[in-house]
Amino acid sequence: MAEIKIEKKKPVWPWIVVVLLISAIVYYIFLRDNETQTDNSTQIENTTSTDNTTN
């Protein structure tokens, strides 16, 4: 009789974890930078001094 080699399926969950980690890193690097730049926008205040002293 001939032997039939049966290969067990490799688990899929490690690949799912890798994809989730890579997508989280991409989100943190690219998308979070855009949010922090718009939230931390510098506002310039009116700093002109008005001197009311008269000579």
C-alpha atoms as a PDB file:
ATOM      1  CA  MET A   1       0.000   0.000   0.000  1.00  0.00           C
ATOM      2  CA  ALA A   2       1.169   3.539  -0.726  1.00  0.00           C
ATOM      3  CA  GLU A   3       1.563   6.020   2.089  1.00  0.00           C
ATOM      4  CA  ILE A   4      -0.354   9.257   1.924  1.00  0.00           C
ATOM      5  CA  LYS A   5       1.474  12.136   3.548  1.00  0.00           C
ATOM      6  CA  ILE A   6      -0.888  14.429   5.381  1.00  0.00           C
ATOM      7  CA  GLU A   7       0.383  17.910   6.189  1.00  0.00           C
ATOM      8  CA  LYS A   8      -1.215  19.740   9.059  1.00  0.00           C
ATOM      9  CA  LYS A   9      -2.422  23.242   8.319  1.00  0.00           C
ATOM     10  CA  LYS A  10      -0.288  25.954   9.805  1.00  0.00           C
ATOM     11  CA  PRO A  11      -2.157  28.299  12.152  1.00  0.00           C
ATOM     12  CA  VAL A  12      -3.421  31.542  10.653  1.00  0.00           C
ATOM     13  CA  TRP A  13      -3.606  33.610  13.855  1.00  0.00           C
ATOM     14  CA  PRO A  14       0.128  34.583  13.908  1.00  0.00           C
ATOM     15  CA  TRP A  15      -0.333  36.231  10.500  1.00  0.00           C
ATOM     16  CA  ILE A  16      -3.413  38.059  11.768  1.00  0.00           C
ATOM     17  CA  VAL A  17      -1.420  39.373  14.732  1.00  0.00           C
ATOM     18  CA  VAL A  18       1.417  40.497  12.432  1.00  0.00           C
ATOM     19  CA  VAL A  19      -0.998  42.336  10.131  1.00  0.00           C
ATOM     20  CA  LEU A  20      -2.658  44.057  13.093  1.00  0.00           C
ATOM     21  CA  LEU A  21       0.701  45.140  14.506  1.00  0.00           C
ATOM     22  CA  ILE A  22       1.884  46.525  11.180  1.00  0.00           C
ATOM     23  CA  SER A  23      -1.382  48.402  10.652  1.00  0.00           C
ATOM     24  CA  ALA A  24      -1.160  49.842  14.180  1.00  0.00           C
ATOM     25  CA  ILE A  25       2.398  51.051  13.531  1.00  0.00           C
ATOM     26  CA  VAL A  26       1.382  52.619  10.211  1.00  0.00           C
ATOM     27  CA  TYR A  27      -1.565  54.338  11.913  1.00  0.00           C
ATOM     28  CA  TYR A  28       0.638  55.668  14.690  1.00  0.00           C
ATOM     29  CA  ILE A  29       3.343  56.978  12.352  1.00  0.00           C
ATOM     30  CA  PHE A  30       1.291  58.527   9.568  1.00  0.00           C
ATOM     31  CA  LEU A  31      -2.191  59.277  10.804  1.00  0.00           C
ATOM     32  CA  ARG A  32      -1.384  60.375  14.367  1.00  0.00           C
ATOM     33  CA  ASP A  33       1.143  62.925  13.054  1.00  0.00           C
ATOM     34  CA  ASN A  34      -1.587  64.663  11.075  1.00  0.00           C
ATOM     35  CA  GLU A  35      -3.880  64.855  14.106  1.00  0.00           C
ATOM     36  CA  THR A  36      -1.236  66.261  16.433  1.00  0.00           C
ATOM     37  CA  GLN A  37      -0.197  68.935  13.936  1.00  0.00           C
ATOM     38  CA  THR A  38      -3.719  70.280  13.609  1.00  0.00           C
ATOM     39  CA  ASP A  39      -4.437  70.095  17.340  1.00  0.00           C
ATOM     40  CA  ASN A  40      -1.215  71.788  18.431  1.00  0.00           C
ATOM     41  CA  SER A  41      -1.378  74.663  15.983  1.00  0.00           C
ATOM     42  CA  THR A  42       0.393  77.726  17.257  1.00  0.00           C
ATOM     43  CA  GLN A  43      -1.722  80.789  17.669  1.00  0.00           C
ATOM     44  CA  ILE A  44       0.004  84.145  17.447  1.00  0.00           C
ATOM     45  CA  GLU A  45      -1.309  86.688  19.888  1.00  0.00           C
ATOM     46  CA  ASN A  46      -1.345  90.416  19.389  1.00  0.00           C
ATOM     47  CA  THR A  47       1.889  91.474  21.098  1.00  0.00           C
ATOM     48  CA  THR A  48       2.027  95.076  20.056  1.00  0.00           C
ATOM     49  CA  SER A  49       2.491  97.305  23.038  1.00  0.00           C
ATOM     50  CA  THR A  50       0.623 100.528  23.339  1.00  0.00           C
ATOM     51  CA  ASP A  51       2.434 103.075  25.429  1.00  0.00           C
ATOM     52  CA  ASN A  52      -0.035 105.602  26.804  1.00  0.00           C
ATOM     53  CA  THR A  53       2.530 107.841  28.445  1.00  0.00           C
ATOM     54  CA  THR A  54       2.534 111.364  27.105  1.00  0.00           C
ATOM     55  CA  ASN A  55       5.458 113.764  27.219  1.00  0.00           C
END
